[in-house]
Amino acid sequence: MKGAATLMKKASRKKSTARKSAKPEAKKFAPLERLRADESMQVLLSMIRRHPELRSEADDLALALIENVDAEKVGSELGQRLSEVDIFDTIDAEPRDGRYVANWELAQQTLDRLLEPYLADLQRRIELGLKEAAQSTCLGIVRGLYQAKDCAGDDSLLTYAPDFCENEAHYVVGLLAKQSGRLHRRRWSLPDDSGGLLPDWPWLFD
């Protein structure tokens, strides 16, 4: 009996030592989790080509994603970005071989570039005929511009382009109306109940 007990203790010690010396398994990532955005798009397009029956479902999912717009969130994000960008963030989109470029011009170029993706979001929703989503996107952009108009600090780009917010608000509302009229034969405007959010810009609702 003593011999059996001794053998059991030795076996137990070996198992314990083996557990202590065993290395933790490395975390495994699925390939899909490590794709860049452009690679994810390639995978999606390849799957649809191989399985065309999935196209309708993919379109429905894409439409649901594009339709989901939070105007308040868009406005808050854009307003913060416009308020925080300063003269040290300027980008000369067209280098002029050493020619002096005024700060107001650099500011305008940089602010325009910052606004581009928001305008692209508005344009694609208009093209898809998503009226409410397009109106919400437009409202979000205008709210961001409205939020930023009084937040210009000493080095803020808005100090060098003081009319940017008001001019762009006018432009984006006009873009919504013109593009919807051209593509859908009816001009869309900002939501009727949004006037109270922009008390200093009543002309946007004329």
Protein backbone atom coordinates (compact mmCIF):
# COMPACT_ATOMS: atom_id res chain seq x y z
CA MET A 1 0.00 0.00 0.00
CA LYS A 2 2.87 2.36 0.88
CA GLY A 3 4.49 1.68 -2.50
CA ALA A 4 1.27 2.49 -4.35
CA ALA A 5 0.80 5.69 -2.36
CA THR A 6 4.38 6.75 -3.16
CA LEU A 7 3.81 6.16 -6.89
CA MET A 8 0.59 8.21 -6.81
CA LYS A 9 2.38 11.13 -5.11
CA LYS A 10 5.17 11.06 -7.73
CA ALA A 11 2.62 11.03 -10.56
CA SER A 12 0.77 13.95 -8.98
CA ARG A 13 4.02 15.96 -8.67
CA LYS A 14 4.84 15.28 -12.35
CA LYS A 15 1.40 16.55 -13.48
CA SER A 16 1.75 19.66 -11.34
CA THR A 17 5.24 20.35 -12.75
CA ALA A 18 3.96 19.82 -16.29
CA ARG A 19 1.13 22.30 -15.75
CA LYS A 20 3.54 24.92 -14.40
CA SER A 21 6.00 24.50 -17.25
CA ALA A 22 3.36 24.50 -20.00
CA LYS A 23 3.39 27.75 -22.02
CA PRO A 24 0.11 29.63 -22.44
CA GLU A 25 -1.38 29.20 -25.86
CA ALA A 26 -0.98 32.18 -28.15
CA LYS A 27 -4.22 34.01 -28.90
CA LYS A 28 -5.47 33.16 -32.35
CA PHE A 29 -7.07 35.81 -34.52
CA ALA A 30 -9.48 35.02 -37.32
CA PRO A 31 -8.19 36.36 -40.68
CA LEU A 32 -11.34 38.44 -41.13
CA GLU A 33 -10.55 40.29 -37.89
CA ARG A 34 -7.16 41.41 -39.23
CA LEU A 35 -8.31 42.84 -42.57
CA ARG A 36 -7.95 46.47 -43.53
CA ALA A 37 -11.06 48.28 -44.79
CA ASP A 38 -10.04 47.94 -48.45
CA GLU A 39 -9.28 44.24 -47.99
CA SER A 40 -12.68 43.67 -46.32
CA MET A 41 -14.31 45.22 -49.37
CA GLN A 42 -12.38 42.88 -51.67
CA VAL A 43 -13.51 39.86 -49.65
CA LEU A 44 -17.14 41.02 -49.75
CA LEU A 45 -17.07 41.57 -53.52
CA SER A 46 -15.41 38.18 -54.07
CA MET A 47 -18.11 36.44 -51.99
CA ILE A 48 -20.89 38.15 -53.95
CA ARG A 49 -19.31 37.13 -57.24
CA ARG A 50 -19.09 33.53 -56.06
CA HIS A 51 -22.54 33.57 -54.44
CA PRO A 52 -24.73 36.04 -56.37
CA GLU A 53 -27.73 34.91 -54.33
CA LEU A 54 -26.23 36.89 -51.41
CA ARG A 55 -26.33 40.19 -53.33
CA SER A 56 -29.84 41.12 -52.28
CA GLU A 57 -29.14 40.48 -48.59
CA ALA A 58 -25.85 42.41 -48.79
CA ASP A 59 -27.65 45.35 -50.39
CA ASP A 60 -30.25 45.34 -47.61
CA LEU A 61 -27.56 45.36 -44.93
CA ALA A 62 -25.66 48.14 -46.70
CA LEU A 63 -28.81 50.23 -47.06
CA ALA A 64 -29.68 49.82 -43.38
CA LEU A 65 -26.16 50.97 -42.46
CA ILE A 66 -26.25 54.02 -44.74
CA GLU A 67 -29.75 55.00 -43.59
CA ASN A 68 -28.69 55.13 -39.95
CA VAL A 69 -27.75 58.77 -39.31
CA ASP A 70 -27.53 60.57 -35.97
CA ALA A 71 -27.54 64.29 -36.80
CA GLU A 72 -26.55 65.26 -33.26
CA LYS A 73 -23.55 62.94 -33.32
CA VAL A 74 -22.46 64.14 -36.76
CA GLY A 75 -22.75 67.75 -35.63
CA SER A 76 -20.85 67.20 -32.39
CA GLU A 77 -18.01 65.39 -34.15
CA LEU A 78 -17.67 67.95 -36.95
CA GLY A 79 -17.99 70.92 -34.60
CA GLN A 80 -15.22 69.60 -32.40
CA ARG A 81 -12.91 68.91 -35.33
CA LEU A 82 -13.45 72.36 -36.81
CA SER A 83 -12.85 74.00 -33.43
CA GLU A 84 -9.66 72.12 -32.66
CA VAL A 85 -7.82 72.42 -35.98
CA ASP A 86 -5.25 75.22 -35.90
CA ILE A 87 -2.73 76.97 -38.11
CA PHE A 88 -0.15 74.25 -37.48
CA ASP A 89 -2.46 71.69 -39.14
CA THR A 90 -2.64 73.52 -42.46
CA ILE A 91 -1.98 71.61 -45.66
CA ASP A 92 -0.93 73.23 -48.90
CA ALA A 93 -2.77 71.04 -51.39
CA GLU A 94 -0.97 72.65 -54.32
CA PRO A 95 2.68 73.45 -53.49
CA ARG A 96 3.69 76.61 -55.34
CA ASP A 97 7.44 76.18 -55.61
CA GLY A 98 8.26 78.50 -52.75
CA ARG A 99 5.65 81.15 -53.51
CA TYR A 100 4.17 82.70 -50.40
CA VAL A 101 0.70 81.40 -49.55
CA ALA A 102 -1.44 83.48 -47.22
CA ASN A 103 -2.66 81.94 -43.99
CA TRP A 104 -6.29 82.52 -44.97
CA GLU A 105 -5.77 80.49 -48.14
CA LEU A 106 -4.11 77.62 -46.30
CA ALA A 107 -6.89 77.73 -43.72
CA GLN A 108 -9.58 77.57 -46.38
CA GLN A 109 -7.93 74.62 -48.12
CA THR A 110 -7.50 72.67 -44.89
CA LEU A 111 -11.05 73.33 -43.70
CA ASP A 112 -12.42 72.35 -47.12
CA ARG A 113 -10.54 69.07 -46.98
CA LEU A 114 -11.81 68.38 -43.46
CA LEU A 115 -15.39 68.86 -44.65
CA GLU A 116 -15.05 66.70 -47.79
CA PRO A 117 -15.99 63.30 -46.28
CA TYR A 118 -19.13 64.77 -44.72
CA LEU A 119 -20.21 66.20 -48.09
CA ALA A 120 -19.49 62.83 -49.71
CA ASP A 121 -21.78 61.15 -47.16
CA LEU A 122 -24.51 63.64 -48.00
CA GLN A 123 -24.08 63.11 -51.74
CA ARG A 124 -24.31 59.32 -51.61
CA ARG A 125 -27.48 59.43 -49.53
CA ILE A 126 -29.06 61.85 -51.99
CA GLU A 127 -28.08 59.57 -54.89
CA LEU A 128 -29.68 56.59 -53.15
CA GLY A 129 -32.92 58.52 -52.64
CA LEU A 130 -32.69 58.32 -48.86
CA LYS A 131 -34.49 61.57 -48.08
CA GLU A 132 -34.59 61.39 -44.28
CA ALA A 133 -30.99 60.18 -44.06
CA ALA A 134 -29.84 62.94 -46.41
CA GLN A 135 -31.75 65.58 -44.43
CA SER A 136 -30.25 64.30 -41.17
CA THR A 137 -26.76 64.34 -42.67
CA CYS A 138 -27.25 67.89 -43.90
CA LEU A 139 -28.58 68.96 -40.53
CA GLY A 140 -25.63 67.31 -38.77
CA ILE A 141 -23.14 69.17 -40.97
CA VAL A 142 -24.91 72.48 -40.43
CA ARG A 143 -25.07 71.89 -36.67
CA GLY A 144 -21.34 71.21 -36.63
CA LEU A 145 -20.66 74.44 -38.51
CA TYR A 146 -23.01 76.33 -36.19
CA GLN A 147 -21.30 74.89 -33.12
CA ALA A 148 -17.85 75.87 -34.39
CA LYS A 149 -18.63 79.40 -35.55
CA ASP A 150 -18.05 80.98 -32.13
CA CYS A 151 -15.21 78.73 -30.99
CA ALA A 152 -12.30 80.28 -32.87
CA GLY A 153 -9.20 80.64 -30.69
CA ASP A 154 -6.04 82.63 -31.41
CA ASP A 155 -4.48 79.93 -33.61
CA SER A 156 -7.73 78.43 -34.88
CA LEU A 157 -8.09 78.15 -38.64
CA LEU A 158 -11.54 79.69 -38.27
CA THR A 159 -9.81 82.89 -37.17
CA TYR A 160 -8.17 83.05 -40.60
CA ALA A 161 -11.39 82.04 -42.41
CA PRO A 162 -14.07 83.82 -40.35
CA ASP A 163 -16.83 83.35 -42.95
CA PHE A 164 -16.20 79.65 -43.48
CA CYS A 165 -18.95 78.27 -41.24
CA GLU A 166 -21.71 80.52 -42.56
CA ASN A 167 -20.68 80.12 -46.19
CA GLU A 168 -20.44 76.35 -45.95
CA ALA A 169 -23.80 76.10 -44.19
CA HIS A 170 -25.35 77.99 -47.09
CA TYR A 171 -23.53 75.75 -49.56
CA VAL A 172 -24.50 72.43 -47.98
CA VAL A 173 -28.19 73.32 -47.74
CA GLY A 174 -28.05 74.41 -51.37
CA LEU A 175 -26.32 71.15 -52.30
CA LEU A 176 -29.12 69.14 -50.68
CA ALA A 177 -31.77 71.10 -52.57
CA LYS A 178 -30.05 71.16 -55.96
CA GLN A 179 -28.93 67.54 -56.05
CA SER A 180 -32.25 66.17 -54.84
CA GLY A 181 -34.07 68.33 -57.38
CA ARG A 182 -31.81 67.14 -60.17
CA LEU A 183 -31.95 63.45 -59.27
CA HIS A 184 -35.44 63.11 -57.79
CA ARG A 185 -37.30 66.11 -59.24
CA ARG A 186 -38.13 67.46 -55.83
CA ARG A 187 -36.00 69.75 -53.72
CA TRP A 188 -35.28 68.57 -50.20
CA SER A 189 -34.64 70.99 -47.36
CA LEU A 190 -33.63 70.78 -43.72
CA PRO A 191 -36.19 69.10 -41.44
CA ASP A 192 -39.01 71.51 -40.58
CA ASP A 193 -38.54 71.14 -36.83
CA SER A 194 -34.82 72.00 -36.83
CA GLY A 195 -35.11 75.79 -36.94
CA GLY A 196 -34.82 76.08 -33.17
CA LEU A 197 -31.39 74.45 -33.30
CA LEU A 198 -29.99 77.24 -35.51
CA PRO A 199 -31.54 80.49 -34.20
CA ASP A 200 -28.84 82.73 -35.71
CA TRP A 201 -29.25 81.30 -39.22
CA PRO A 202 -32.98 81.62 -40.03
CA TRP A 203 -32.13 82.23 -43.70
CA LEU A 204 -31.31 78.50 -44.03
CA PHE A 205 -35.05 77.81 -43.91
CA ASP A 206 -36.16 80.38 -46.48
